[in-house]
Amino acid sequence: MINFTKKPFLFTLLFTVLSLFVLYKVCQYFSPADSNRVKTYQVSGGWGYQIIIKNKVLIDQPFIPGLPGKLAFPDKKSAAKTGKIVLHRLLNHQSPTITEEDIKELGFDVSGI
């Protein structure tokens, strides 16, 4: 039988258990794509999106942000593209605000607005 001294063995066991717990929590935080996602939906006159973080709706955006008035996104693709930018910013601890410049870069025609 191998003679283990109690302190190093317990330290190693505790370190291993804590390491596995931390690894589990990190994997849980960054896990399934379903827990952090963009969901598009139809609204009157177009499309909107929701930002879902850890399976909870964090942002519900039924119209194009950064523009005056309440104009819905013209199609599902543009709502999803904008939502993905906002989600990316949130996950990277940046401001999720969409500016008029962002709207132009996304290709929205804002000349008549």
Protein backbone atom coordinates (compact mmCIF):
# COMPACT_ATOMS: atom_id res chain seq x y z
CA MET A 1 0.00 0.00 0.00
CA ILE A 2 1.23 3.50 -0.89
CA ASN A 3 1.67 5.81 2.07
CA PHE A 4 0.02 9.14 1.34
CA THR A 5 0.60 12.00 3.67
CA LYS A 6 -2.73 13.64 4.39
CA LYS A 7 -2.01 17.29 3.58
CA PRO A 8 -0.60 16.96 0.04
CA PHE A 9 -3.22 14.39 -0.88
CA LEU A 10 -6.09 16.55 0.40
CA PHE A 11 -4.62 19.64 -1.28
CA THR A 12 -4.39 17.79 -4.60
CA LEU A 13 -7.92 16.44 -4.24
CA LEU A 14 -9.32 19.88 -3.35
CA PHE A 15 -7.42 21.52 -6.22
CA THR A 16 -8.76 18.93 -8.68
CA VAL A 17 -12.35 19.32 -7.50
CA LEU A 18 -12.17 23.12 -7.63
CA SER A 19 -10.55 23.03 -11.08
CA LEU A 20 -13.31 20.79 -12.40
CA PHE A 21 -15.96 23.07 -10.89
CA VAL A 22 -14.44 26.18 -12.47
CA LEU A 23 -14.12 24.41 -15.83
CA TYR A 24 -17.76 23.33 -15.60
CA LYS A 25 -18.92 26.90 -14.85
CA VAL A 26 -16.84 28.36 -17.71
CA CYS A 27 -18.24 25.79 -20.13
CA GLN A 28 -21.75 26.46 -18.84
CA TYR A 29 -21.32 30.22 -19.34
CA PHE A 30 -20.05 29.93 -22.91
CA SER A 31 -22.10 26.91 -23.85
CA PRO A 32 -24.94 26.18 -26.18
CA ALA A 33 -25.66 28.67 -28.88
CA ASP A 34 -29.29 28.50 -27.78
CA SER A 35 -28.51 30.30 -24.53
CA ASN A 36 -27.14 33.41 -26.31
CA ARG A 37 -28.87 34.20 -29.57
CA VAL A 38 -30.83 36.57 -31.79
CA LYS A 39 -34.44 35.76 -32.55
CA THR A 40 -36.25 37.61 -35.34
CA TYR A 41 -40.01 38.07 -35.48
CA GLN A 42 -42.58 39.81 -37.65
CA VAL A 43 -44.11 43.08 -36.56
CA SER A 44 -46.57 45.42 -38.21
CA GLY A 45 -44.83 46.68 -41.35
CA GLY A 46 -41.67 44.55 -41.14
CA TRP A 47 -39.40 42.71 -38.73
CA GLY A 48 -37.91 43.07 -35.26
CA TYR A 49 -35.45 41.13 -33.15
CA GLN A 50 -34.86 39.95 -29.61
CA ILE A 51 -31.49 39.47 -27.92
CA ILE A 52 -31.60 36.39 -25.72
CA ILE A 53 -28.84 35.97 -23.13
CA LYS A 54 -28.77 32.84 -20.96
CA ASN A 55 -32.24 31.97 -22.29
CA LYS A 56 -33.77 35.28 -21.10
CA VAL A 57 -34.93 38.12 -23.37
CA LEU A 58 -32.60 41.01 -22.63
CA ILE A 59 -33.56 43.30 -25.53
CA ASP A 60 -36.77 43.41 -27.56
CA GLN A 61 -36.26 45.67 -30.58
CA PRO A 62 -39.34 45.92 -32.82
CA PHE A 63 -37.97 48.83 -34.89
CA ILE A 64 -34.67 50.11 -36.29
CA PRO A 65 -32.65 51.68 -33.47
CA GLY A 66 -30.64 54.82 -34.09
CA LEU A 67 -33.24 56.38 -36.36
CA PRO A 68 -36.03 58.80 -35.49
CA GLY A 69 -39.52 57.33 -35.32
CA LYS A 70 -40.53 53.71 -35.14
CA LEU A 71 -39.65 52.16 -38.47
CA ALA A 72 -39.59 48.33 -38.56
CA PHE A 73 -36.74 46.47 -40.25
CA PRO A 74 -37.61 45.93 -43.91
CA ASP A 75 -36.75 42.21 -43.88
CA LYS A 76 -35.75 39.32 -41.63
CA LYS A 77 -32.12 39.38 -42.79
CA SER A 78 -31.54 43.03 -41.82
CA ALA A 79 -33.14 42.51 -38.39
CA ALA A 80 -30.96 39.43 -37.78
CA LYS A 81 -27.79 41.20 -38.96
CA THR A 82 -28.39 44.14 -36.64
CA GLY A 83 -29.26 41.84 -33.76
CA LYS A 84 -26.04 39.86 -34.25
CA ILE A 85 -24.00 43.06 -33.98
CA VAL A 86 -25.78 44.01 -30.76
CA LEU A 87 -25.32 40.49 -29.33
CA HIS A 88 -21.62 40.53 -30.24
CA ARG A 89 -21.16 43.87 -28.50
CA LEU A 90 -22.97 42.69 -25.38
CA LEU A 91 -20.93 39.51 -25.15
CA ASN A 92 -17.75 41.58 -25.49
CA HIS A 93 -18.83 44.02 -22.75
CA GLN A 94 -19.30 46.90 -25.20
CA SER A 95 -22.18 49.33 -25.52
CA PRO A 96 -24.97 47.71 -27.56
CA THR A 97 -26.08 51.09 -28.94
CA ILE A 98 -26.64 51.18 -32.70
CA THR A 99 -25.72 54.55 -34.18
CA GLU A 100 -26.77 56.17 -37.43
CA GLU A 101 -23.30 55.29 -38.77
CA ASP A 102 -23.87 51.62 -37.91
CA ILE A 103 -27.19 51.77 -39.76
CA LYS A 104 -25.47 53.14 -42.88
CA GLU A 105 -22.74 50.45 -42.66
CA LEU A 106 -25.46 47.81 -42.43
CA GLY A 107 -26.77 49.09 -45.76
CA PHE A 108 -30.07 50.65 -44.73
CA ASP A 109 -31.27 53.43 -46.98
CA VAL A 110 -31.72 56.34 -44.57
CA SER A 111 -31.88 59.10 -47.18
CA GLY A 112 -35.69 59.39 -47.07
CA ILE A 113 -35.94 59.25 -43.30
